Amino acid sequence: MPEAKELKIGQPDPFDGSHDKLRGFLISVDLYAAFNQAIYNTDEKKIVFTLSFMKGGSAGPWAESFVLSKKDENGSMQLGEYKEFQAAIEGSFLEMDMAGSTITKLCYLKQTKMADEYIQEFCIYASCSGLKDDAALIDLEKMPTTIKEWYEITARLDNQYQKRLAHLNASKGKAMTTMTFTP
């Protein structure tokens, strides 16, 4: 039987210990190992593969410490199970209050791009925060508290409405009609 050849598609980026990059790093390691399961078919191989991408920042020294802790007096290593290794990485690098952090990000999230991009980002934060859909909707749009904020939100919503009307009229071959409001 021919030896399996590693397909180097989508290798993980090096991990430097940043809290916000841990989940993506572990997911890319798991996907890569699954795609190359003929090669990374033992816990030890998966652990060594993962350690090889832990460089710089606090991840490099953590990886060194992990390897040294697994060596016995003869120099041989027992790296253990991959699930335990992953739990150790998460225990060291996962943000302690991830739900709280993402709720804070939700509170300060502003729409600076297209609505669908904003909603996508909102949904990602909402799912990471542990909030249910109804609870997350509370902060989707804060109520204005000053007359200036009311003017701004009214102008923004009217602008969106006018763009939508123009789009609908253009698709029907009609000229754009603008409705105006004078306070």
N, C-alpha and C. Protein backbone atom coordinates (compact mmCIF):
# COMPACT_ATOMS: atom_id res chain seq x y z
N MET A 1 0.85 -1.18 0.00
CA MET A 1 0.00 0.00 0.00
C MET A 1 0.89 1.24 0.00
N PRO A 2 0.62 2.20 -0.88
CA PRO A 2 1.47 3.40 -0.95
C PRO A 2 1.33 4.24 0.32
N GLU A 3 2.41 4.91 0.62
CA GLU A 3 2.44 5.79 1.81
C GLU A 3 1.55 7.01 1.56
N ALA A 4 0.80 7.39 2.59
CA ALA A 4 -0.09 8.55 2.46
C ALA A 4 0.73 9.82 2.28
N LYS A 5 0.25 10.69 1.42
CA LYS A 5 0.93 11.96 1.17
C LYS A 5 0.11 13.07 1.81
N GLU A 6 0.80 13.91 2.54
CA GLU A 6 0.13 15.02 3.22
C GLU A 6 -0.30 16.08 2.20
N LEU A 7 -1.57 16.48 2.30
CA LEU A 7 -2.10 17.54 1.46
C LEU A 7 -2.03 18.84 2.25
N LYS A 8 -1.16 19.73 1.83
CA LYS A 8 -0.92 20.97 2.58
C LYS A 8 -1.89 22.06 2.15
N ILE A 9 -3.15 21.81 2.38
CA ILE A 9 -4.21 22.76 2.05
C ILE A 9 -4.73 23.35 3.34
N GLY A 10 -4.68 24.65 3.45
CA GLY A 10 -5.24 25.32 4.62
C GLY A 10 -4.53 25.02 5.92
N GLN A 11 -3.20 25.00 5.89
CA GLN A 11 -2.47 24.79 7.14
C GLN A 11 -2.81 25.89 8.14
N PRO A 12 -2.83 25.55 9.42
CA PRO A 12 -3.13 26.58 10.43
C PRO A 12 -2.08 27.68 10.43
N ASP A 13 -2.51 28.89 10.76
CA ASP A 13 -1.56 29.97 10.99
C ASP A 13 -0.89 29.73 12.33
N PRO A 14 0.35 30.19 12.49
CA PRO A 14 1.00 30.04 13.80
C PRO A 14 0.16 30.71 14.88
N PHE A 15 0.14 30.10 16.06
CA PHE A 15 -0.62 30.62 17.18
C PHE A 15 0.35 31.25 18.17
N ASP A 16 0.09 32.51 18.54
CA ASP A 16 0.99 33.22 19.45
C ASP A 16 0.44 33.37 20.87
N GLY A 17 -0.71 32.78 21.13
CA GLY A 17 -1.29 32.86 22.46
C GLY A 17 -2.40 33.88 22.60
N SER A 18 -2.75 34.56 21.53
CA SER A 18 -3.82 35.57 21.59
C SER A 18 -5.16 34.89 21.88
N HIS A 19 -5.86 35.41 22.89
CA HIS A 19 -7.15 34.83 23.28
C HIS A 19 -8.13 34.78 22.12
N ASP A 20 -8.19 35.85 21.36
CA ASP A 20 -9.19 35.94 20.30
C ASP A 20 -8.88 35.07 19.09
N LYS A 21 -7.69 34.48 19.04
CA LYS A 21 -7.32 33.64 17.90
C LYS A 21 -7.34 32.15 18.24
N LEU A 22 -7.59 31.82 19.51
CA LEU A 22 -7.49 30.42 19.92
C LEU A 22 -8.51 29.52 19.23
N ARG A 23 -9.77 29.90 19.26
CA ARG A 23 -10.82 29.04 18.66
C ARG A 23 -10.53 28.78 17.18
N GLY A 24 -10.20 29.82 16.44
CA GLY A 24 -9.89 29.66 15.02
C GLY A 24 -8.69 28.76 14.80
N PHE A 25 -7.68 28.91 15.66
CA PHE A 25 -6.49 28.07 15.56
C PHE A 25 -6.85 26.60 15.77
N LEU A 26 -7.58 26.31 16.85
CA LEU A 26 -7.93 24.92 17.15
C LEU A 26 -8.83 24.32 16.07
N ILE A 27 -9.73 25.12 15.54
CA ILE A 27 -10.60 24.63 14.46
C ILE A 27 -9.78 24.32 13.22
N SER A 28 -8.84 25.20 12.87
CA SER A 28 -8.03 24.94 11.67
C SER A 28 -7.11 23.74 11.87
N VAL A 29 -6.61 23.53 13.09
CA VAL A 29 -5.80 22.34 13.37
C VAL A 29 -6.66 21.08 13.20
N ASP A 30 -7.86 21.10 13.78
CA ASP A 30 -8.74 19.93 13.67
C ASP A 30 -9.13 19.64 12.23
N LEU A 31 -9.44 20.68 11.47
CA LEU A 31 -9.81 20.48 10.06
C LEU A 31 -8.65 19.93 9.25
N TYR A 32 -7.47 20.48 9.47
CA TYR A 32 -6.29 20.03 8.74
C TYR A 32 -5.99 18.57 9.07
N ALA A 33 -6.04 18.23 10.37
CA ALA A 33 -5.77 16.85 10.79
C ALA A 33 -6.84 15.90 10.24
N ALA A 34 -8.09 16.34 10.20
CA ALA A 34 -9.16 15.49 9.66
C ALA A 34 -8.97 15.28 8.16
N PHE A 35 -8.56 16.32 7.46
CA PHE A 35 -8.34 16.23 6.02
C PHE A 35 -7.16 15.31 5.71
N ASN A 36 -6.18 15.29 6.60
CA ASN A 36 -5.00 14.45 6.45
C ASN A 36 -5.00 13.33 7.49
N GLN A 37 -6.16 12.71 7.69
CA GLN A 37 -6.29 11.72 8.76
C GLN A 37 -5.43 10.48 8.55
N ALA A 38 -5.01 10.21 7.34
CA ALA A 38 -4.13 9.07 7.11
C ALA A 38 -2.75 9.32 7.73
N ILE A 39 -2.40 10.58 7.90
CA ILE A 39 -1.10 10.93 8.49
C ILE A 39 -1.24 11.22 9.98
N TYR A 40 -2.21 12.06 10.33
CA TYR A 40 -2.41 12.45 11.73
C TYR A 40 -3.45 11.54 12.36
N ASN A 41 -3.08 10.26 12.47
CA ASN A 41 -4.02 9.24 12.91
C ASN A 41 -3.83 8.78 14.35
N THR A 42 -2.97 9.47 15.09
CA THR A 42 -2.81 9.16 16.52
C THR A 42 -2.86 10.46 17.31
N ASP A 43 -3.16 10.34 18.58
CA ASP A 43 -3.18 11.52 19.44
C ASP A 43 -1.81 12.18 19.48
N GLU A 44 -0.76 11.37 19.54
CA GLU A 44 0.60 11.91 19.60
C GLU A 44 0.92 12.74 18.36
N LYS A 45 0.57 12.26 17.20
CA LYS A 45 0.84 13.00 15.96
C LYS A 45 0.06 14.32 15.92
N LYS A 46 -1.19 14.29 16.38
CA LYS A 46 -1.99 15.52 16.42
C LYS A 46 -1.40 16.53 17.40
N ILE A 47 -0.92 16.03 18.53
CA ILE A 47 -0.33 16.93 19.53
C ILE A 47 0.95 17.56 18.99
N VAL A 48 1.81 16.75 18.40
CA VAL A 48 3.07 17.27 17.84
C VAL A 48 2.77 18.27 16.73
N PHE A 49 1.81 17.95 15.87
CA PHE A 49 1.42 18.87 14.80
C PHE A 49 0.96 20.20 15.38
N THR A 50 0.09 20.16 16.38
CA THR A 50 -0.42 21.38 17.01
C THR A 50 0.71 22.17 17.65
N LEU A 51 1.57 21.50 18.39
CA LEU A 51 2.70 22.18 19.05
C LEU A 51 3.61 22.87 18.03
N SER A 52 3.74 22.30 16.85
CA SER A 52 4.64 22.88 15.84
C SER A 52 4.15 24.24 15.35
N PHE A 53 2.88 24.58 15.59
CA PHE A 53 2.34 25.87 15.18
C PHE A 53 2.22 26.85 16.34
N MET A 54 2.64 26.44 17.52
CA MET A 54 2.57 27.32 18.69
C MET A 54 3.92 28.02 18.83
N LYS A 55 3.97 29.22 18.25
CA LYS A 55 5.23 29.97 18.18
C LYS A 55 5.01 31.40 18.61
N GLY A 56 6.01 31.97 19.24
CA GLY A 56 5.95 33.37 19.61
C GLY A 56 4.96 33.65 20.71
N GLY A 57 4.92 34.90 21.14
CA GLY A 57 4.02 35.32 22.20
C GLY A 57 4.14 34.41 23.41
N SER A 58 3.03 34.11 24.02
CA SER A 58 3.05 33.22 25.18
C SER A 58 2.87 31.76 24.78
N ALA A 59 2.49 31.50 23.52
CA ALA A 59 2.26 30.12 23.07
C ALA A 59 3.57 29.35 22.93
N GLY A 60 4.63 30.00 22.46
CA GLY A 60 5.92 29.33 22.29
C GLY A 60 6.46 28.79 23.61
N PRO A 61 6.59 29.64 24.63
CA PRO A 61 7.05 29.14 25.93
C PRO A 61 6.11 28.10 26.54
N TRP A 62 4.79 28.24 26.30
CA TRP A 62 3.84 27.25 26.81
C TRP A 62 4.13 25.89 26.17
N ALA A 63 4.35 25.88 24.86
CA ALA A 63 4.63 24.63 24.14
C ALA A 63 5.92 23.99 24.66
N GLU A 64 6.95 24.81 24.87
CA GLU A 64 8.21 24.28 25.41
C GLU A 64 7.99 23.68 26.79
N SER A 65 7.27 24.38 27.62
CA SER A 65 6.99 23.89 28.97
C SER A 65 6.20 22.59 28.93
N PHE A 66 5.23 22.51 28.02
CA PHE A 66 4.43 21.29 27.89
C PHE A 66 5.32 20.11 27.51
N VAL A 67 6.18 20.30 26.51
CA VAL A 67 7.06 19.22 26.05
C VAL A 67 7.99 18.79 27.18
N LEU A 68 8.60 19.75 27.87
CA LEU A 68 9.51 19.42 28.96
C LEU A 68 8.80 18.67 30.08
N SER A 69 7.56 19.01 30.34
CA SER A 69 6.81 18.33 31.41
C SER A 69 6.45 16.89 31.04
N LYS A 70 6.49 16.55 29.77
CA LYS A 70 6.13 15.20 29.31
C LYS A 70 7.34 14.28 29.15
N LYS A 71 8.55 14.84 29.31
CA LYS A 71 9.76 14.02 29.19
C LYS A 71 10.05 13.33 30.52
N ASP A 72 10.45 12.07 30.43
CA ASP A 72 10.89 11.39 31.66
C ASP A 72 12.41 11.46 31.75
N GLU A 73 12.97 10.84 32.79
CA GLU A 73 14.43 10.92 32.99
C GLU A 73 15.23 10.27 31.87
N ASN A 74 14.62 9.38 31.10
CA ASN A 74 15.31 8.74 29.97
C ASN A 74 15.20 9.55 28.68
N GLY A 75 14.44 10.64 28.72
CA GLY A 75 14.29 11.48 27.54
C GLY A 75 13.12 11.10 26.64
N SER A 76 12.40 10.02 26.99
CA SER A 76 11.24 9.67 26.17
C SER A 76 10.02 10.47 26.64
N MET A 77 9.06 10.60 25.73
CA MET A 77 7.89 11.43 26.03
C MET A 77 6.61 10.62 25.92
N GLN A 78 5.71 10.91 26.82
CA GLN A 78 4.34 10.41 26.77
C GLN A 78 3.46 11.65 26.71
N LEU A 79 3.00 12.00 25.52
CA LEU A 79 2.27 13.25 25.34
C LEU A 79 0.82 13.19 25.79
N GLY A 80 0.28 11.99 25.97
CA GLY A 80 -1.09 11.87 26.45
C GLY A 80 -2.12 11.90 25.34
N GLU A 81 -3.36 12.15 25.75
CA GLU A 81 -4.48 12.16 24.80
C GLU A 81 -4.69 13.56 24.24
N TYR A 82 -5.13 13.59 22.99
CA TYR A 82 -5.33 14.87 22.31
C TYR A 82 -6.41 15.71 22.98
N LYS A 83 -7.49 15.07 23.44
CA LYS A 83 -8.57 15.82 24.10
C LYS A 83 -8.06 16.52 25.36
N GLU A 84 -7.23 15.82 26.13
CA GLU A 84 -6.66 16.43 27.34
C GLU A 84 -5.71 17.57 26.97
N PHE A 85 -4.95 17.37 25.91
CA PHE A 85 -4.04 18.41 25.42
C PHE A 85 -4.81 19.65 25.00
N GLN A 86 -5.89 19.44 24.25
CA GLN A 86 -6.73 20.57 23.82
C GLN A 86 -7.33 21.29 25.03
N ALA A 87 -7.76 20.53 26.02
CA ALA A 87 -8.32 21.13 27.23
C ALA A 87 -7.26 21.95 27.96
N ALA A 88 -6.01 21.48 27.94
CA ALA A 88 -4.92 22.23 28.58
C ALA A 88 -4.66 23.54 27.84
N ILE A 89 -4.69 23.50 26.51
CA ILE A 89 -4.51 24.72 25.73
C ILE A 89 -5.63 25.70 26.03
N GLU A 90 -6.86 25.21 26.02
CA GLU A 90 -8.01 26.09 26.30
C GLU A 90 -7.93 26.66 27.71
N GLY A 91 -7.50 25.84 28.67
CA GLY A 91 -7.36 26.32 30.04
C GLY A 91 -6.33 27.42 30.17
N SER A 92 -5.33 27.38 29.32
CA SER A 92 -4.26 28.39 29.38
C SER A 92 -4.53 29.62 28.53
N PHE A 93 -5.21 29.46 27.41
CA PHE A 93 -5.32 30.57 26.46
C PHE A 93 -6.74 31.08 26.20
N LEU A 94 -7.74 30.31 26.57
CA LEU A 94 -9.11 30.77 26.33
C LEU A 94 -9.45 31.89 27.30
N GLU A 95 -10.09 32.90 26.79
CA GLU A 95 -10.47 34.04 27.61
C GLU A 95 -11.35 33.56 28.76
N MET A 96 -11.06 34.05 29.96
CA MET A 96 -11.78 33.59 31.15
C MET A 96 -13.27 33.90 31.09
N ASP A 97 -13.63 35.10 30.70
CA ASP A 97 -15.03 35.50 30.64
C ASP A 97 -15.40 35.80 29.20
N MET A 98 -15.39 34.77 28.38
CA MET A 98 -15.66 34.95 26.96
C MET A 98 -17.07 35.49 26.73
N ALA A 99 -18.04 34.98 27.48
CA ALA A 99 -19.41 35.45 27.32
C ALA A 99 -19.51 36.93 27.66
N GLY A 100 -18.88 37.34 28.75
CA GLY A 100 -18.91 38.75 29.14
C GLY A 100 -18.25 39.65 28.11
N SER A 101 -17.14 39.19 27.58
CA SER A 101 -16.43 39.98 26.56
C SER A 101 -17.26 40.14 25.30
N THR A 102 -17.91 39.06 24.88
CA THR A 102 -18.70 39.18 23.65
C THR A 102 -19.97 40.00 23.88
N ILE A 103 -20.52 39.97 25.08
CA ILE A 103 -21.67 40.83 25.38
C ILE A 103 -21.24 42.29 25.32
N THR A 104 -20.04 42.58 25.84
CA THR A 104 -19.52 43.95 25.75
C THR A 104 -19.34 44.35 24.29
N LYS A 105 -18.80 43.45 23.47
CA LYS A 105 -18.64 43.74 22.05
C LYS A 105 -19.99 43.99 21.39
N LEU A 106 -21.00 43.22 21.80
CA LEU A 106 -22.35 43.42 21.26
C LEU A 106 -22.87 44.81 21.60
N CYS A 107 -22.63 45.23 22.84
CA CYS A 107 -23.14 46.54 23.28
C CYS A 107 -22.53 47.69 22.49
N TYR A 108 -21.28 47.54 22.09
CA TYR A 108 -20.59 48.62 21.38
C TYR A 108 -20.52 48.42 19.87
N LEU A 109 -21.15 47.37 19.38
CA LEU A 109 -21.14 47.09 17.95
C LEU A 109 -21.93 48.17 17.21
N LYS A 110 -21.32 48.71 16.18
CA LYS A 110 -21.97 49.74 15.37
C LYS A 110 -22.00 49.27 13.92
N GLN A 111 -23.05 49.66 13.23
CA GLN A 111 -23.16 49.31 11.81
C GLN A 111 -22.33 50.30 11.01
N THR A 112 -21.21 49.82 10.49
CA THR A 112 -20.35 50.66 9.65
C THR A 112 -20.26 50.11 8.23
N LYS A 113 -20.88 48.95 8.01
CA LYS A 113 -20.84 48.31 6.70
C LYS A 113 -22.28 48.04 6.27
N MET A 114 -22.43 47.19 5.30
CA MET A 114 -23.76 46.80 4.82
C MET A 114 -24.51 46.09 5.95
N ALA A 115 -25.82 46.16 5.91
CA ALA A 115 -26.66 45.58 6.96
C ALA A 115 -26.42 44.08 7.13
N ASP A 116 -26.27 43.36 6.01
CA ASP A 116 -26.08 41.92 6.14
C ASP A 116 -24.75 41.58 6.82
N GLU A 117 -23.72 42.38 6.60
CA GLU A 117 -22.44 42.17 7.28
C GLU A 117 -22.57 42.47 8.77
N TYR A 118 -23.31 43.52 9.09
CA TYR A 118 -23.54 43.89 10.49
C TYR A 118 -24.31 42.78 11.20
N ILE A 119 -25.35 42.28 10.57
CA ILE A 119 -26.16 41.22 11.17
C ILE A 119 -25.33 39.95 11.35
N GLN A 120 -24.49 39.64 10.37
CA GLN A 120 -23.64 38.46 10.48
C GLN A 120 -22.69 38.59 11.67
N GLU A 121 -22.07 39.75 11.81
CA GLU A 121 -21.16 39.99 12.94
C GLU A 121 -21.94 39.93 14.26
N PHE A 122 -23.12 40.52 14.28
CA PHE A 122 -23.96 40.50 15.47
C PHE A 122 -24.30 39.05 15.85
N CYS A 123 -24.68 38.23 14.88
CA CYS A 123 -25.05 36.84 15.14
C CYS A 123 -23.87 36.04 15.68
N ILE A 124 -22.67 36.31 15.17
CA ILE A 124 -21.48 35.62 15.67
C ILE A 124 -21.26 35.96 17.13
N TYR A 125 -21.29 37.26 17.45
CA TYR A 125 -21.11 37.67 18.85
C TYR A 125 -22.23 37.13 19.73
N ALA A 126 -23.45 37.16 19.24
CA ALA A 126 -24.58 36.67 20.04
C ALA A 126 -24.43 35.19 20.36
N SER A 127 -23.99 34.40 19.39
CA SER A 127 -23.83 32.96 19.64
C SER A 127 -22.68 32.69 20.61
N CYS A 128 -21.61 33.47 20.53
CA CYS A 128 -20.48 33.31 21.45
C CYS A 128 -20.82 33.78 22.86
N SER A 129 -21.78 34.69 22.96
CA SER A 129 -22.12 35.25 24.27
C SER A 129 -23.02 34.33 25.08
N GLY A 130 -23.66 33.38 24.42
CA GLY A 130 -24.58 32.51 25.11
C GLY A 130 -25.98 33.08 25.21
N LEU A 131 -26.20 34.27 24.66
CA LEU A 131 -27.53 34.88 24.69
C LEU A 131 -28.45 34.15 23.72
N LYS A 132 -29.71 34.08 24.07
CA LYS A 132 -30.71 33.54 23.16
C LYS A 132 -31.11 34.66 22.21
N ASP A 133 -31.67 34.33 21.08
CA ASP A 133 -32.01 35.33 20.06
C ASP A 133 -32.82 36.49 20.61
N ASP A 134 -33.86 36.21 21.38
CA ASP A 134 -34.71 37.28 21.90
C ASP A 134 -33.95 38.21 22.82
N ALA A 135 -33.11 37.66 23.67
CA ALA A 135 -32.34 38.49 24.59
C ALA A 135 -31.33 39.33 23.84
N ALA A 136 -30.73 38.78 22.81
CA ALA A 136 -29.73 39.51 22.05
C ALA A 136 -30.33 40.67 21.27
N LEU A 137 -31.59 40.56 20.91
CA LEU A 137 -32.24 41.62 20.14
C LEU A 137 -32.41 42.90 20.93
N ILE A 138 -32.37 42.82 22.24
CA ILE A 138 -32.59 44.00 23.08
C ILE A 138 -31.62 45.11 22.72
N ASP A 139 -30.36 44.77 22.48
CA ASP A 139 -29.36 45.80 22.20
C ASP A 139 -29.08 45.97 20.71
N LEU A 140 -29.86 45.35 19.86
CA LEU A 140 -29.61 45.49 18.42
C LEU A 140 -29.67 46.95 18.00
N GLU A 141 -30.63 47.69 18.51
CA GLU A 141 -30.73 49.11 18.20
C GLU A 141 -31.10 49.84 19.48
N LYS A 142 -30.19 50.63 20.00
CA LYS A 142 -30.46 51.38 21.22
C LYS A 142 -31.43 52.52 20.90
N MET A 143 -32.30 52.78 21.84
CA MET A 143 -33.26 53.87 21.68
C MET A 143 -32.54 55.21 21.84
N PRO A 144 -32.85 56.16 21.00
CA PRO A 144 -32.24 57.49 21.13
C PRO A 144 -32.68 58.13 22.46
N THR A 145 -31.79 58.93 23.03
CA THR A 145 -32.11 59.60 24.30
C THR A 145 -32.10 61.11 24.18
N THR A 146 -31.62 61.63 23.06
CA THR A 146 -31.63 63.08 22.85
C THR A 146 -32.32 63.38 21.53
N ILE A 147 -32.73 64.62 21.38
CA ILE A 147 -33.40 65.01 20.13
C ILE A 147 -32.46 64.87 18.94
N LYS A 148 -31.17 65.16 19.17
CA LYS A 148 -30.18 65.02 18.10
C LYS A 148 -30.08 63.56 17.66
N GLU A 149 -30.07 62.63 18.61
CA GLU A 149 -30.02 61.21 18.26
C GLU A 149 -31.28 60.79 17.50
N TRP A 150 -32.44 61.34 17.88
CA TRP A 150 -33.68 61.05 17.15
C TRP A 150 -33.57 61.53 15.71
N TYR A 151 -33.02 62.74 15.52
CA TYR A 151 -32.85 63.26 14.16
C TYR A 151 -31.93 62.35 13.35
N GLU A 152 -30.82 61.94 13.98
CA GLU A 152 -29.84 61.11 13.27
C GLU A 152 -30.44 59.76 12.87
N ILE A 153 -31.13 59.12 13.80
CA ILE A 153 -31.70 57.81 13.47
C ILE A 153 -32.81 57.94 12.44
N THR A 154 -33.60 59.00 12.55
CA THR A 154 -34.67 59.22 11.57
C THR A 154 -34.07 59.45 10.18
N ALA A 155 -33.04 60.26 10.12
CA ALA A 155 -32.38 60.53 8.83
C ALA A 155 -31.77 59.25 8.26
N ARG A 156 -31.14 58.46 9.10
CA ARG A 156 -30.53 57.21 8.64
C ARG A 156 -31.59 56.25 8.11
N LEU A 157 -32.67 56.08 8.86
CA LEU A 157 -33.73 55.17 8.42
C LEU A 157 -34.41 55.68 7.15
N ASP A 158 -34.62 57.00 7.07
CA ASP A 158 -35.22 57.56 5.86
C ASP A 158 -34.30 57.35 4.66
N ASN A 159 -33.01 57.54 4.87
CA ASN A 159 -32.03 57.33 3.81
C ASN A 159 -32.11 55.89 3.31
N GLN A 160 -32.18 54.95 4.24
CA GLN A 160 -32.28 53.55 3.86
C GLN A 160 -33.57 53.28 3.10
N TYR A 161 -34.65 53.88 3.55
CA TYR A 161 -35.95 53.72 2.90
C TYR A 161 -35.90 54.27 1.47
N GLN A 162 -35.30 55.46 1.30
CA GLN A 162 -35.21 56.07 -0.03
C GLN A 162 -34.37 55.21 -0.97
N LYS A 163 -33.28 54.65 -0.46
CA LYS A 163 -32.45 53.77 -1.29
C LYS A 163 -33.23 52.53 -1.70
N ARG A 164 -34.00 52.00 -0.78
CA ARG A 164 -34.80 50.81 -1.09
C ARG A 164 -35.86 51.14 -2.15
N LEU A 165 -36.51 52.28 -2.01
CA LEU A 165 -37.50 52.70 -3.01
C LEU A 165 -36.86 52.86 -4.38
N ALA A 166 -35.70 53.50 -4.41
CA ALA A 166 -35.00 53.71 -5.68
C ALA A 166 -34.65 52.37 -6.32
N HIS A 167 -34.21 51.44 -5.51
CA HIS A 167 -33.87 50.12 -6.02
C HIS A 167 -35.11 49.42 -6.59
N LEU A 168 -36.21 49.47 -5.85
CA LEU A 168 -37.45 48.85 -6.32
C LEU A 168 -37.95 49.50 -7.60
N ASN A 169 -37.91 50.83 -7.65
CA ASN A 169 -38.36 51.55 -8.84
C ASN A 169 -37.47 51.25 -10.04
N ALA A 170 -36.16 51.18 -9.80
CA ALA A 170 -35.23 50.89 -10.89
C ALA A 170 -35.49 49.50 -11.46
N SER A 171 -35.81 48.56 -10.60
CA SER A 171 -36.06 47.21 -11.08
C SER A 171 -37.38 47.11 -11.83
N LYS A 172 -38.29 48.09 -11.60
CA LYS A 172 -39.57 48.12 -12.32
C LYS A 172 -39.51 49.08 -13.50
N GLY A 173 -38.37 49.75 -13.69
CA GLY A 173 -38.21 50.68 -14.80
C GLY A 173 -38.86 52.02 -14.58
N LYS A 174 -39.12 52.39 -13.34
CA LYS A 174 -39.74 53.68 -13.04
C LYS A 174 -38.68 54.67 -12.60
N ALA A 175 -38.99 55.94 -12.77
CA ALA A 175 -38.09 56.99 -12.30
C ALA A 175 -38.17 57.05 -10.78
N MET A 176 -37.10 57.53 -10.17
CA MET A 176 -37.05 57.62 -8.71
C MET A 176 -37.94 58.76 -8.22
N THR A 177 -38.75 58.45 -7.23
CA THR A 177 -39.56 59.49 -6.59
C THR A 177 -39.09 59.62 -5.16
N THR A 178 -38.95 60.83 -4.72
CA THR A 178 -38.46 61.07 -3.37
C THR A 178 -39.56 61.70 -2.54
N MET A 179 -39.79 61.10 -1.39
CA MET A 179 -40.73 61.70 -0.45
C MET A 179 -39.90 62.48 0.56
N THR A 180 -40.34 63.65 0.90
CA THR A 180 -39.59 64.46 1.85
C THR A 180 -40.42 64.68 3.09
N PHE A 181 -39.71 64.90 4.17
CA PHE A 181 -40.34 65.15 5.46
C PHE A 181 -39.72 66.41 6.03
N THR A 182 -40.54 67.35 6.43
CA THR A 182 -40.05 68.58 7.03
C THR A 182 -40.55 68.64 8.47
N PRO A 183 -39.61 68.65 9.45
CA PRO A 183 -40.05 68.68 10.85
C PRO A 183 -40.59 70.04 11.25
